[in-house]
Amino acid sequence: MKTPNAQEAEGQQTRAAAGWATGSANITKKKVSQKKQRRRPLSQPRRNIVGCRISQGWKGDEPITQDERVLSLKILSDRVASSHVSDANLANTIIGKAVEHMFEGEHGSKDEWRGMVLAQLYITYEKDPILYMYQLLDDYKEGDLRIMPESSEFPPTERKPGGVVDGLIGKHMEYTKEDGSKRIGMVIHQVEAKPSVYFIKFDDDFHIYVYDLVKKS
């Protein structure tokens, strides 16, 4: 397996057509059908699309840091090729675990990255705490993803006493870097397998960062 590459998804769209009955009451039924067609469809409540398969386009040549570049976002069918159907039990084996992920470097050399599996397709690494997406089950089956001993924790830094911080999704936050500079961002997702771990999108960067947030004592 080589270095991370973005993946594209292909989707399909289906339509259904319905006719009307014919007979002596044909005119009346047509008028009713036409009246129904003029009605505006009821708005559907928004649903959480995290984990859904999507397709999208890009607008113009705006800076890549602008989320508004996304165009024609579509939610695709959950049906995928049988070869890609995952084993739920196997997924549960790796989700939330500290792992070593093997990559193929230049000239066939092996490069091992330590990280944590956040979901079936999501992973983050100690030396680059942003969100990566891979077919992790395939790598696990092929031996390129190895679960580390239970004694190994991620991240390796010592935790201060505290607990999980809830209710952060949608909140704006300020992050102070080691050099004293500040970044403004928004908390966009809480990891189900590790409730203290959140995804953060900063205003000045198109990457999604992964942080372990705990309450201060």
N, C-alpha and C. Protein backbone atom coordinates (compact mmCIF):
# COMPACT_ATOMS: atom_id res chain seq x y z
N MET A 1 0.83 -1.18 0.00
CA MET A 1 0.00 0.00 0.00
C MET A 1 0.87 1.24 0.00
N LYS A 2 0.53 2.24 -0.83
CA LYS A 2 1.34 3.43 -0.94
C LYS A 2 0.70 4.59 -0.19
N THR A 3 1.33 5.79 -0.30
CA THR A 3 0.87 6.94 0.48
C THR A 3 -0.57 7.32 0.17
N PRO A 4 -1.22 8.09 1.13
CA PRO A 4 -2.63 8.38 1.03
C PRO A 4 -3.04 9.04 -0.26
N ASN A 5 -4.09 8.59 -0.83
CA ASN A 5 -4.66 9.21 -2.03
C ASN A 5 -6.15 9.41 -1.81
N ALA A 6 -6.68 10.48 -2.38
CA ALA A 6 -8.12 10.70 -2.25
C ALA A 6 -8.86 9.72 -3.12
N GLN A 7 -10.02 9.33 -2.69
CA GLN A 7 -10.81 8.35 -3.43
C GLN A 7 -12.05 9.02 -3.96
N GLU A 8 -12.47 8.57 -5.14
CA GLU A 8 -13.69 9.09 -5.72
C GLU A 8 -14.77 8.06 -5.62
N ALA A 9 -15.99 8.53 -5.43
CA ALA A 9 -17.13 7.61 -5.35
C ALA A 9 -18.03 7.82 -6.55
N GLU A 10 -18.60 6.73 -7.01
CA GLU A 10 -19.54 6.79 -8.10
C GLU A 10 -20.90 6.40 -7.59
N GLY A 11 -21.90 7.13 -8.01
CA GLY A 11 -23.23 6.83 -7.53
C GLY A 11 -24.22 6.63 -8.63
N GLN A 12 -25.41 6.31 -8.26
CA GLN A 12 -26.45 6.09 -9.25
C GLN A 12 -27.71 6.76 -8.77
N GLN A 13 -28.56 7.17 -9.73
CA GLN A 13 -29.79 7.85 -9.40
C GLN A 13 -30.92 7.12 -10.07
N THR A 14 -32.01 6.90 -9.37
CA THR A 14 -33.14 6.18 -9.94
C THR A 14 -34.35 7.06 -9.93
N ARG A 15 -35.24 6.82 -10.88
CA ARG A 15 -36.49 7.56 -10.94
C ARG A 15 -37.64 6.58 -11.07
N ALA A 16 -38.81 7.00 -10.60
CA ALA A 16 -39.99 6.16 -10.73
C ALA A 16 -41.07 6.98 -11.41
N ALA A 17 -41.83 6.37 -12.32
CA ALA A 17 -42.90 7.06 -13.02
C ALA A 17 -44.20 6.33 -12.78
N ALA A 18 -45.26 7.10 -12.59
CA ALA A 18 -46.57 6.49 -12.34
C ALA A 18 -47.58 7.05 -13.32
N GLY A 19 -48.50 6.20 -13.83
CA GLY A 19 -49.54 6.65 -14.75
C GLY A 19 -50.86 6.74 -14.02
N TRP A 20 -51.93 7.06 -14.75
CA TRP A 20 -53.25 7.13 -14.14
C TRP A 20 -54.21 6.23 -14.86
N ALA A 21 -55.35 5.90 -14.23
CA ALA A 21 -56.33 4.99 -14.81
C ALA A 21 -57.11 5.68 -15.92
N THR A 22 -57.61 4.89 -16.87
CA THR A 22 -58.41 5.44 -17.97
C THR A 22 -59.84 4.96 -17.84
N GLY A 23 -60.79 5.66 -18.54
CA GLY A 23 -62.19 5.25 -18.47
C GLY A 23 -63.08 6.46 -18.51
N SER A 24 -64.35 6.30 -18.10
CA SER A 24 -65.31 7.39 -18.17
C SER A 24 -64.95 8.53 -17.23
N ALA A 25 -64.25 8.24 -16.16
CA ALA A 25 -63.87 9.28 -15.20
C ALA A 25 -62.48 9.82 -15.47
N ASN A 26 -62.02 9.66 -16.70
CA ASN A 26 -60.65 10.02 -17.07
C ASN A 26 -60.35 11.49 -16.81
N ILE A 27 -61.26 12.39 -17.23
CA ILE A 27 -61.01 13.82 -17.12
C ILE A 27 -60.89 14.24 -15.66
N THR A 28 -61.81 13.75 -14.85
CA THR A 28 -61.78 14.11 -13.42
C THR A 28 -60.48 13.67 -12.76
N LYS A 29 -60.05 12.44 -13.03
CA LYS A 29 -58.83 11.92 -12.41
C LYS A 29 -57.61 12.70 -12.87
N LYS A 30 -57.60 13.12 -14.13
CA LYS A 30 -56.46 13.90 -14.62
C LYS A 30 -56.36 15.22 -13.88
N LYS A 31 -57.51 15.89 -13.65
CA LYS A 31 -57.49 17.16 -12.96
C LYS A 31 -56.97 17.01 -11.54
N VAL A 32 -57.36 15.96 -10.88
CA VAL A 32 -56.87 15.72 -9.52
C VAL A 32 -55.37 15.51 -9.52
N SER A 33 -54.89 14.74 -10.51
CA SER A 33 -53.45 14.47 -10.60
C SER A 33 -52.68 15.76 -10.84
N GLN A 34 -53.21 16.63 -11.74
CA GLN A 34 -52.53 17.88 -12.03
C GLN A 34 -52.46 18.78 -10.81
N LYS A 35 -53.57 18.79 -10.03
CA LYS A 35 -53.60 19.61 -8.83
C LYS A 35 -52.55 19.14 -7.83
N LYS A 36 -52.39 17.83 -7.72
CA LYS A 36 -51.39 17.29 -6.80
C LYS A 36 -49.98 17.66 -7.24
N GLN A 37 -49.78 17.69 -8.55
CA GLN A 37 -48.44 17.98 -9.05
C GLN A 37 -48.02 19.41 -8.76
N ARG A 38 -49.01 20.32 -8.61
CA ARG A 38 -48.68 21.73 -8.38
C ARG A 38 -48.24 21.99 -6.94
N ARG A 39 -48.56 21.07 -6.05
CA ARG A 39 -48.20 21.27 -4.65
C ARG A 39 -46.70 21.19 -4.45
N ARG A 40 -46.19 22.04 -3.60
CA ARG A 40 -44.76 21.99 -3.28
C ARG A 40 -44.50 20.81 -2.36
N PRO A 41 -43.47 20.04 -2.64
CA PRO A 41 -43.17 18.89 -1.78
C PRO A 41 -42.82 19.34 -0.37
N LEU A 42 -43.25 18.55 0.61
CA LEU A 42 -42.93 18.87 1.99
C LEU A 42 -41.44 18.75 2.22
N SER A 43 -40.86 19.72 2.94
CA SER A 43 -39.42 19.68 3.21
C SER A 43 -39.11 18.53 4.15
N GLN A 44 -38.06 17.79 3.81
CA GLN A 44 -37.66 16.65 4.62
C GLN A 44 -36.67 17.10 5.70
N PRO A 45 -36.77 16.57 6.90
CA PRO A 45 -35.81 16.95 7.94
C PRO A 45 -34.40 16.54 7.56
N ARG A 46 -33.43 17.36 7.93
CA ARG A 46 -32.04 17.04 7.62
C ARG A 46 -31.60 15.81 8.41
N ARG A 47 -30.76 15.00 7.78
CA ARG A 47 -30.26 13.82 8.47
C ARG A 47 -28.74 13.89 8.55
N ASN A 48 -28.20 13.17 9.49
CA ASN A 48 -26.76 13.12 9.66
C ASN A 48 -26.16 12.32 8.52
N ILE A 49 -25.26 12.93 7.73
CA ILE A 49 -24.70 12.24 6.57
C ILE A 49 -23.29 11.73 6.82
N VAL A 50 -22.82 11.81 8.06
CA VAL A 50 -21.50 11.27 8.38
C VAL A 50 -21.48 9.78 8.09
N GLY A 51 -20.50 9.32 7.33
CA GLY A 51 -20.38 7.90 6.99
C GLY A 51 -21.10 7.52 5.71
N CYS A 52 -21.87 8.46 5.12
CA CYS A 52 -22.58 8.15 3.87
C CYS A 52 -21.64 8.27 2.67
N ARG A 53 -21.93 7.52 1.62
CA ARG A 53 -21.20 7.64 0.36
C ARG A 53 -21.75 8.83 -0.40
N ILE A 54 -20.86 9.68 -0.95
CA ILE A 54 -21.30 10.88 -1.65
C ILE A 54 -20.55 11.05 -2.96
N SER A 55 -21.11 11.90 -3.83
CA SER A 55 -20.40 12.38 -5.00
C SER A 55 -20.52 13.89 -4.99
N GLN A 56 -19.53 14.60 -5.58
CA GLN A 56 -19.56 16.05 -5.57
C GLN A 56 -18.75 16.59 -6.73
N GLY A 57 -18.98 17.86 -7.03
CA GLY A 57 -18.17 18.57 -8.01
C GLY A 57 -17.47 19.73 -7.33
N TRP A 58 -16.69 20.50 -8.12
CA TRP A 58 -15.99 21.66 -7.57
C TRP A 58 -16.32 22.89 -8.40
N LYS A 59 -16.46 24.04 -7.74
CA LYS A 59 -16.76 25.28 -8.43
C LYS A 59 -15.49 26.07 -8.69
N GLY A 60 -15.33 26.53 -9.93
CA GLY A 60 -14.31 27.52 -10.27
C GLY A 60 -12.92 27.25 -9.76
N ASP A 61 -12.16 28.32 -9.56
CA ASP A 61 -10.78 28.23 -9.09
C ASP A 61 -10.60 28.96 -7.77
N GLU A 62 -11.64 28.94 -6.93
CA GLU A 62 -11.52 29.60 -5.64
C GLU A 62 -10.46 28.91 -4.78
N PRO A 63 -9.93 29.61 -3.78
CA PRO A 63 -8.93 28.98 -2.90
C PRO A 63 -9.48 27.70 -2.29
N ILE A 64 -8.63 26.70 -2.17
CA ILE A 64 -9.08 25.39 -1.70
C ILE A 64 -9.50 25.42 -0.24
N THR A 65 -9.15 26.51 0.48
CA THR A 65 -9.54 26.60 1.88
C THR A 65 -11.00 26.97 2.05
N GLN A 66 -11.68 27.31 0.96
CA GLN A 66 -13.08 27.71 1.05
C GLN A 66 -14.01 26.53 0.85
N ASP A 67 -14.82 26.21 1.88
CA ASP A 67 -15.75 25.09 1.79
C ASP A 67 -16.81 25.32 0.73
N GLU A 68 -17.06 26.60 0.35
CA GLU A 68 -18.10 26.91 -0.61
C GLU A 68 -17.78 26.39 -2.01
N ARG A 69 -16.58 25.85 -2.20
CA ARG A 69 -16.23 25.30 -3.51
C ARG A 69 -17.01 24.05 -3.84
N VAL A 70 -17.54 23.36 -2.83
CA VAL A 70 -18.26 22.12 -3.07
C VAL A 70 -19.52 22.40 -3.87
N LEU A 71 -19.75 21.61 -4.92
CA LEU A 71 -20.88 21.80 -5.81
C LEU A 71 -21.60 20.48 -6.05
N SER A 72 -22.93 20.52 -6.09
CA SER A 72 -23.75 19.35 -6.43
C SER A 72 -23.43 18.14 -5.56
N LEU A 73 -23.52 18.31 -4.27
CA LEU A 73 -23.28 17.20 -3.34
C LEU A 73 -24.48 16.26 -3.36
N LYS A 74 -24.24 14.98 -3.60
CA LYS A 74 -25.30 13.98 -3.65
C LYS A 74 -24.99 12.84 -2.68
N ILE A 75 -26.03 12.37 -1.99
CA ILE A 75 -25.90 11.20 -1.12
C ILE A 75 -26.17 9.97 -1.97
N LEU A 76 -25.23 9.05 -2.02
CA LEU A 76 -25.34 7.88 -2.87
C LEU A 76 -25.96 6.70 -2.12
N SER A 77 -26.35 5.72 -2.89
CA SER A 77 -26.93 4.51 -2.31
C SER A 77 -25.90 3.81 -1.43
N ASP A 78 -26.39 3.16 -0.38
CA ASP A 78 -25.50 2.40 0.50
C ASP A 78 -25.04 1.10 -0.13
N ARG A 79 -25.68 0.73 -1.25
CA ARG A 79 -25.32 -0.54 -1.90
C ARG A 79 -23.96 -0.39 -2.58
N VAL A 80 -23.04 -1.29 -2.31
CA VAL A 80 -21.73 -1.30 -2.93
C VAL A 80 -21.44 -2.70 -3.44
N ALA A 81 -20.38 -2.81 -4.22
CA ALA A 81 -20.02 -4.11 -4.77
C ALA A 81 -19.78 -5.10 -3.63
N SER A 82 -20.14 -6.35 -3.87
CA SER A 82 -20.04 -7.36 -2.82
C SER A 82 -18.62 -7.49 -2.28
N SER A 83 -17.62 -7.20 -3.12
CA SER A 83 -16.24 -7.31 -2.67
C SER A 83 -15.90 -6.25 -1.63
N HIS A 84 -16.73 -5.18 -1.55
CA HIS A 84 -16.46 -4.10 -0.61
C HIS A 84 -17.34 -4.17 0.63
N VAL A 85 -18.21 -5.17 0.70
CA VAL A 85 -19.07 -5.30 1.87
C VAL A 85 -18.22 -5.72 3.06
N SER A 86 -18.25 -4.92 4.11
CA SER A 86 -17.35 -5.19 5.24
C SER A 86 -17.97 -6.15 6.23
N ASP A 87 -17.12 -6.82 6.94
CA ASP A 87 -17.54 -7.70 8.02
C ASP A 87 -17.67 -6.84 9.28
N ALA A 88 -18.91 -6.68 9.79
CA ALA A 88 -19.14 -5.80 10.94
C ALA A 88 -18.32 -6.22 12.15
N ASN A 89 -18.20 -7.51 12.37
CA ASN A 89 -17.42 -8.00 13.51
C ASN A 89 -15.95 -7.65 13.37
N LEU A 90 -15.45 -7.72 12.13
CA LEU A 90 -14.05 -7.39 11.89
C LEU A 90 -13.82 -5.90 12.09
N ALA A 91 -14.79 -5.08 11.65
CA ALA A 91 -14.68 -3.63 11.82
C ALA A 91 -14.61 -3.28 13.31
N ASN A 92 -15.45 -3.94 14.11
CA ASN A 92 -15.45 -3.68 15.55
C ASN A 92 -14.13 -4.07 16.20
N THR A 93 -13.39 -4.96 15.55
CA THR A 93 -12.10 -5.40 16.08
C THR A 93 -11.07 -4.28 16.04
N ILE A 94 -11.14 -3.42 15.03
CA ILE A 94 -10.10 -2.40 14.86
C ILE A 94 -10.54 -1.00 15.27
N ILE A 95 -11.85 -0.72 15.29
CA ILE A 95 -12.32 0.64 15.60
C ILE A 95 -11.99 1.00 17.04
N GLY A 96 -11.40 2.18 17.21
CA GLY A 96 -11.03 2.66 18.55
C GLY A 96 -9.71 2.13 19.05
N LYS A 97 -9.00 1.36 18.22
CA LYS A 97 -7.74 0.74 18.65
C LYS A 97 -6.53 1.52 18.15
N ALA A 98 -5.47 1.49 18.97
CA ALA A 98 -4.18 2.01 18.55
C ALA A 98 -3.56 0.99 17.60
N VAL A 99 -3.04 1.48 16.47
CA VAL A 99 -2.55 0.57 15.43
C VAL A 99 -1.22 1.04 14.86
N GLU A 100 -0.57 0.13 14.16
CA GLU A 100 0.58 0.46 13.33
C GLU A 100 0.18 0.20 11.89
N HIS A 101 0.32 1.22 11.04
CA HIS A 101 -0.13 1.14 9.65
C HIS A 101 1.09 1.16 8.74
N MET A 102 1.25 0.12 7.95
CA MET A 102 2.43 -0.03 7.10
C MET A 102 2.19 0.57 5.72
N PHE A 103 3.14 1.42 5.27
CA PHE A 103 3.09 2.00 3.93
C PHE A 103 4.35 1.61 3.17
N GLU A 104 4.24 1.62 1.87
CA GLU A 104 5.40 1.32 1.02
C GLU A 104 6.05 2.63 0.62
N GLY A 105 7.32 2.80 0.99
CA GLY A 105 8.05 4.01 0.66
C GLY A 105 8.78 3.89 -0.66
N GLU A 106 9.69 4.81 -0.87
CA GLU A 106 10.48 4.79 -2.11
C GLU A 106 11.39 3.56 -2.15
N HIS A 107 11.58 3.05 -3.34
CA HIS A 107 12.45 1.90 -3.58
C HIS A 107 12.02 0.68 -2.77
N GLY A 108 10.71 0.57 -2.49
CA GLY A 108 10.20 -0.61 -1.81
C GLY A 108 10.41 -0.65 -0.32
N SER A 109 10.90 0.45 0.25
CA SER A 109 11.11 0.48 1.70
C SER A 109 9.77 0.54 2.43
N LYS A 110 9.76 0.10 3.68
CA LYS A 110 8.54 0.08 4.49
C LYS A 110 8.56 1.24 5.49
N ASP A 111 7.44 1.91 5.59
CA ASP A 111 7.31 3.03 6.52
C ASP A 111 6.10 2.77 7.42
N GLU A 112 6.32 2.74 8.74
CA GLU A 112 5.26 2.38 9.68
C GLU A 112 4.79 3.62 10.44
N TRP A 113 3.48 3.88 10.37
CA TRP A 113 2.89 5.02 11.06
C TRP A 113 2.01 4.52 12.20
N ARG A 114 2.19 5.10 13.39
CA ARG A 114 1.33 4.76 14.52
C ARG A 114 0.14 5.71 14.57
N GLY A 115 -1.03 5.16 14.87
CA GLY A 115 -2.22 5.99 14.90
C GLY A 115 -3.37 5.30 15.60
N MET A 116 -4.57 5.84 15.38
CA MET A 116 -5.76 5.26 15.98
C MET A 116 -6.88 5.20 14.95
N VAL A 117 -7.56 4.06 14.88
CA VAL A 117 -8.69 3.87 13.97
C VAL A 117 -9.92 4.53 14.61
N LEU A 118 -10.53 5.47 13.89
CA LEU A 118 -11.66 6.23 14.41
C LEU A 118 -13.00 5.66 13.97
N ALA A 119 -13.02 5.05 12.80
CA ALA A 119 -14.23 4.43 12.25
C ALA A 119 -13.77 3.46 11.18
N GLN A 120 -14.70 2.82 10.51
CA GLN A 120 -14.33 1.78 9.54
C GLN A 120 -13.39 2.30 8.46
N LEU A 121 -13.55 3.57 8.07
CA LEU A 121 -12.72 4.14 7.01
C LEU A 121 -11.82 5.27 7.49
N TYR A 122 -11.91 5.68 8.76
CA TYR A 122 -11.20 6.86 9.24
C TYR A 122 -10.08 6.48 10.18
N ILE A 123 -8.95 7.18 10.02
CA ILE A 123 -7.79 6.95 10.89
C ILE A 123 -7.03 8.26 11.04
N THR A 124 -6.34 8.42 12.16
CA THR A 124 -5.45 9.56 12.35
C THR A 124 -4.13 9.05 12.91
N TYR A 125 -3.07 9.85 12.79
CA TYR A 125 -1.73 9.39 13.16
C TYR A 125 -1.08 10.32 14.18
N GLU A 126 -0.17 9.75 14.98
CA GLU A 126 0.53 10.52 16.01
C GLU A 126 1.31 11.68 15.40
N LYS A 127 2.02 11.42 14.30
CA LYS A 127 2.88 12.47 13.74
C LYS A 127 2.16 13.38 12.75
N ASP A 128 0.89 13.13 12.49
CA ASP A 128 0.11 13.99 11.61
C ASP A 128 -1.37 13.87 12.00
N PRO A 129 -1.81 14.60 13.03
CA PRO A 129 -3.15 14.40 13.60
C PRO A 129 -4.28 15.01 12.78
N ILE A 130 -4.34 14.65 11.50
CA ILE A 130 -5.46 15.05 10.68
C ILE A 130 -6.22 13.79 10.27
N LEU A 131 -7.38 13.98 9.68
CA LEU A 131 -8.25 12.85 9.34
C LEU A 131 -7.83 12.25 8.00
N TYR A 132 -7.55 10.94 7.99
CA TYR A 132 -7.24 10.21 6.77
C TYR A 132 -8.33 9.18 6.51
N MET A 133 -8.50 8.84 5.24
CA MET A 133 -9.54 7.87 4.87
C MET A 133 -8.91 6.76 4.04
N TYR A 134 -9.07 5.52 4.50
CA TYR A 134 -8.53 4.35 3.81
C TYR A 134 -9.51 3.19 3.90
N GLN A 135 -9.31 2.20 3.05
CA GLN A 135 -10.02 0.93 3.17
C GLN A 135 -9.27 0.12 4.24
N LEU A 136 -9.53 0.44 5.49
CA LEU A 136 -8.75 -0.11 6.60
C LEU A 136 -8.95 -1.61 6.79
N LEU A 137 -10.16 -2.10 6.51
CA LEU A 137 -10.39 -3.55 6.65
C LEU A 137 -9.53 -4.33 5.67
N ASP A 138 -9.39 -3.81 4.45
CA ASP A 138 -8.54 -4.48 3.46
C ASP A 138 -7.10 -4.52 3.94
N ASP A 139 -6.61 -3.39 4.47
CA ASP A 139 -5.24 -3.34 4.97
C ASP A 139 -5.05 -4.29 6.16
N TYR A 140 -6.08 -4.39 7.01
CA TYR A 140 -5.99 -5.29 8.16
C TYR A 140 -5.92 -6.74 7.71
N LYS A 141 -6.74 -7.09 6.72
CA LYS A 141 -6.73 -8.47 6.21
C LYS A 141 -5.41 -8.81 5.54
N GLU A 142 -4.80 -7.80 4.89
CA GLU A 142 -3.54 -8.04 4.16
C GLU A 142 -2.32 -7.93 5.06
N GLY A 143 -2.53 -7.59 6.33
CA GLY A 143 -1.41 -7.51 7.27
C GLY A 143 -0.70 -6.18 7.30
N ASP A 144 -1.23 -5.16 6.59
CA ASP A 144 -0.61 -3.84 6.58
C ASP A 144 -1.09 -2.96 7.73
N LEU A 145 -2.11 -3.42 8.46
CA LEU A 145 -2.61 -2.69 9.62
C LEU A 145 -2.59 -3.65 10.81
N ARG A 146 -1.84 -3.30 11.85
CA ARG A 146 -1.67 -4.20 12.98
C ARG A 146 -2.09 -3.51 14.27
N ILE A 147 -2.92 -4.19 15.06
CA ILE A 147 -3.36 -3.65 16.35
C ILE A 147 -2.21 -3.73 17.34
N MET A 148 -1.93 -2.62 18.01
CA MET A 148 -0.87 -2.59 19.00
C MET A 148 -1.35 -3.21 20.31
N PRO A 149 -0.43 -3.66 21.17
CA PRO A 149 -0.83 -4.24 22.46
C PRO A 149 -1.72 -3.30 23.24
N GLU A 150 -2.62 -3.85 24.04
CA GLU A 150 -3.58 -3.05 24.80
C GLU A 150 -2.90 -2.04 25.72
N SER A 151 -1.66 -2.33 26.12
CA SER A 151 -0.96 -1.42 27.03
C SER A 151 -0.58 -0.12 26.35
N SER A 152 -0.56 -0.12 24.98
CA SER A 152 -0.20 1.08 24.24
C SER A 152 -1.43 1.96 24.08
N GLU A 153 -1.33 3.21 24.46
CA GLU A 153 -2.45 4.13 24.35
C GLU A 153 -2.14 5.20 23.32
N PHE A 154 -3.19 5.79 22.77
CA PHE A 154 -3.05 6.87 21.82
C PHE A 154 -3.94 8.01 22.27
N PRO A 155 -3.45 9.26 22.33
CA PRO A 155 -2.07 9.64 22.10
C PRO A 155 -1.19 9.28 23.30
N PRO A 156 0.16 9.26 23.12
CA PRO A 156 1.06 8.81 24.17
C PRO A 156 1.28 9.83 25.27
N THR A 157 0.68 11.02 25.19
CA THR A 157 0.91 12.03 26.20
C THR A 157 0.13 11.71 27.47
N GLU A 158 0.65 12.17 28.61
CA GLU A 158 0.00 11.91 29.89
C GLU A 158 -1.27 12.74 30.01
N ARG A 159 -2.36 12.12 30.41
CA ARG A 159 -3.64 12.83 30.55
C ARG A 159 -3.78 13.42 31.95
N LYS A 160 -4.32 14.62 32.00
CA LYS A 160 -4.65 15.22 33.29
C LYS A 160 -6.01 14.70 33.72
N PRO A 161 -6.27 14.71 35.04
CA PRO A 161 -7.57 14.24 35.52
C PRO A 161 -8.70 15.04 34.86
N GLY A 162 -9.76 14.35 34.48
CA GLY A 162 -10.87 15.02 33.82
C GLY A 162 -11.79 14.00 33.20
N GLY A 163 -12.75 14.47 32.45
CA GLY A 163 -13.70 13.58 31.81
C GLY A 163 -14.01 14.04 30.41
N VAL A 164 -14.97 13.35 29.78
CA VAL A 164 -15.37 13.67 28.41
C VAL A 164 -16.12 15.00 28.38
N VAL A 165 -15.80 15.82 27.39
CA VAL A 165 -16.48 17.09 27.21
C VAL A 165 -17.61 16.87 26.21
N ASP A 166 -18.86 17.03 26.64
CA ASP A 166 -20.00 16.81 25.75
C ASP A 166 -20.55 18.14 25.24
N GLY A 167 -21.38 18.05 24.20
CA GLY A 167 -22.07 19.23 23.68
C GLY A 167 -21.19 20.20 22.94
N LEU A 168 -20.10 19.73 22.34
CA LEU A 168 -19.18 20.64 21.66
C LEU A 168 -19.45 20.78 20.16
N ILE A 169 -20.22 19.87 19.58
CA ILE A 169 -20.43 19.90 18.13
C ILE A 169 -21.12 21.20 17.73
N GLY A 170 -20.55 21.87 16.73
CA GLY A 170 -21.09 23.15 16.26
C GLY A 170 -20.53 24.35 16.98
N LYS A 171 -19.71 24.12 18.02
CA LYS A 171 -19.14 25.22 18.78
C LYS A 171 -17.88 25.75 18.10
N HIS A 172 -17.71 27.08 18.13
CA HIS A 172 -16.47 27.69 17.67
C HIS A 172 -15.45 27.62 18.79
N MET A 173 -14.19 27.44 18.42
CA MET A 173 -13.16 27.30 19.43
C MET A 173 -11.89 28.02 18.97
N GLU A 174 -11.05 28.33 19.96
CA GLU A 174 -9.76 28.98 19.71
C GLU A 174 -8.65 28.07 20.20
N TYR A 175 -7.69 27.80 19.33
CA TYR A 175 -6.59 26.89 19.67
C TYR A 175 -5.28 27.69 19.70
N THR A 176 -4.57 27.61 20.81
CA THR A 176 -3.30 28.31 20.96
C THR A 176 -2.15 27.35 20.68
N LYS A 177 -1.34 27.69 19.69
CA LYS A 177 -0.20 26.85 19.30
C LYS A 177 0.98 27.09 20.25
N GLU A 178 2.01 26.27 20.12
CA GLU A 178 3.17 26.36 21.01
C GLU A 178 3.88 27.71 20.86
N ASP A 179 3.83 28.30 19.67
CA ASP A 179 4.51 29.58 19.46
C ASP A 179 3.66 30.77 19.91
N GLY A 180 2.48 30.50 20.48
CA GLY A 180 1.62 31.57 20.97
C GLY A 180 0.58 32.06 19.99
N SER A 181 0.71 31.68 18.73
CA SER A 181 -0.27 32.10 17.73
C SER A 181 -1.58 31.33 17.94
N LYS A 182 -2.68 31.91 17.45
CA LYS A 182 -4.00 31.32 17.68
C LYS A 182 -4.67 30.96 16.36
N ARG A 183 -5.51 29.91 16.43
CA ARG A 183 -6.30 29.49 15.27
C ARG A 183 -7.76 29.38 15.70
N ILE A 184 -8.65 29.81 14.80
CA ILE A 184 -10.08 29.75 15.06
C ILE A 184 -10.68 28.61 14.24
N GLY A 185 -11.52 27.80 14.87
CA GLY A 185 -12.12 26.69 14.15
C GLY A 185 -13.47 26.30 14.74
N MET A 186 -14.02 25.20 14.22
CA MET A 186 -15.31 24.71 14.70
C MET A 186 -15.24 23.22 14.94
N VAL A 187 -15.87 22.76 16.02
CA VAL A 187 -15.97 21.33 16.31
C VAL A 187 -17.09 20.76 15.45
N ILE A 188 -16.78 19.76 14.60
CA ILE A 188 -17.78 19.29 13.63
C ILE A 188 -18.23 17.85 13.86
N HIS A 189 -17.52 17.09 14.70
CA HIS A 189 -17.94 15.68 14.88
C HIS A 189 -17.32 15.11 16.14
N GLN A 190 -18.07 14.23 16.80
CA GLN A 190 -17.57 13.49 17.96
C GLN A 190 -17.44 12.02 17.58
N VAL A 191 -16.30 11.42 17.85
CA VAL A 191 -16.04 10.03 17.47
C VAL A 191 -16.79 9.09 18.40
N GLU A 192 -17.66 8.27 17.84
CA GLU A 192 -18.49 7.38 18.65
C GLU A 192 -17.66 6.38 19.44
N ALA A 193 -16.62 5.84 18.82
CA ALA A 193 -15.80 4.84 19.49
C ALA A 193 -14.94 5.44 20.60
N LYS A 194 -14.62 6.73 20.49
CA LYS A 194 -13.82 7.44 21.50
C LYS A 194 -14.48 8.79 21.76
N PRO A 195 -15.46 8.86 22.66
CA PRO A 195 -16.26 10.08 22.85
C PRO A 195 -15.46 11.33 23.20
N SER A 196 -14.24 11.18 23.70
CA SER A 196 -13.44 12.36 24.03
C SER A 196 -12.71 12.92 22.80
N VAL A 197 -12.79 12.20 21.67
CA VAL A 197 -12.08 12.60 20.46
C VAL A 197 -13.04 13.33 19.51
N TYR A 198 -12.60 14.49 19.01
CA TYR A 198 -13.44 15.32 18.15
C TYR A 198 -12.70 15.68 16.86
N PHE A 199 -13.50 15.95 15.81
CA PHE A 199 -12.97 16.48 14.55
C PHE A 199 -13.13 18.00 14.60
N ILE A 200 -12.07 18.72 14.23
CA ILE A 200 -12.10 20.18 14.23
C ILE A 200 -11.68 20.71 12.86
N LYS A 201 -12.47 21.64 12.33
CA LYS A 201 -12.17 22.29 11.05
C LYS A 201 -11.77 23.73 11.32
N PHE A 202 -10.50 24.07 11.02
CA PHE A 202 -10.03 25.44 11.23
C PHE A 202 -10.34 26.30 10.01
N ASP A 203 -10.55 27.60 10.26
CA ASP A 203 -10.93 28.51 9.19
C ASP A 203 -9.83 28.68 8.15
N ASP A 204 -8.57 28.54 8.56
CA ASP A 204 -7.46 28.81 7.65
C ASP A 204 -6.87 27.55 7.03
N ASP A 205 -7.57 26.42 7.10
CA ASP A 205 -7.01 25.16 6.60
C ASP A 205 -8.14 24.27 6.11
N PHE A 206 -7.90 23.55 5.00
CA PHE A 206 -8.95 22.67 4.47
C PHE A 206 -8.90 21.27 5.09
N HIS A 207 -7.86 20.95 5.86
CA HIS A 207 -7.79 19.65 6.52
C HIS A 207 -8.74 19.59 7.71
N ILE A 208 -9.10 18.38 8.11
CA ILE A 208 -9.88 18.16 9.33
C ILE A 208 -8.93 17.58 10.37
N TYR A 209 -8.83 18.25 11.51
CA TYR A 209 -7.90 17.84 12.56
C TYR A 209 -8.62 17.00 13.62
N VAL A 210 -7.85 16.14 14.28
CA VAL A 210 -8.40 15.23 15.29
C VAL A 210 -7.75 15.52 16.63
N TYR A 211 -8.58 15.85 17.63
CA TYR A 211 -8.07 16.18 18.96
C TYR A 211 -8.80 15.39 20.03
N ASP A 212 -8.05 15.05 21.08
CA ASP A 212 -8.62 14.38 22.25
C ASP A 212 -8.85 15.47 23.30
N LEU A 213 -10.12 15.79 23.56
CA LEU A 213 -10.46 16.89 24.46
C LEU A 213 -11.00 16.35 25.78
N VAL A 214 -10.42 16.79 26.88
CA VAL A 214 -10.89 16.38 28.21
C VAL A 214 -11.10 17.62 29.07
N LYS A 215 -11.98 17.49 30.06
CA LYS A 215 -12.24 18.60 30.98
C LYS A 215 -11.03 18.83 31.88
N LYS A 216 -10.77 20.08 32.19
CA LYS A 216 -9.71 20.40 33.14
C LYS A 216 -10.22 20.15 34.55
N SER A 217 -9.33 19.69 35.40
CA SER A 217 -9.74 19.41 36.78
C SER A 217 -9.95 20.71 37.54
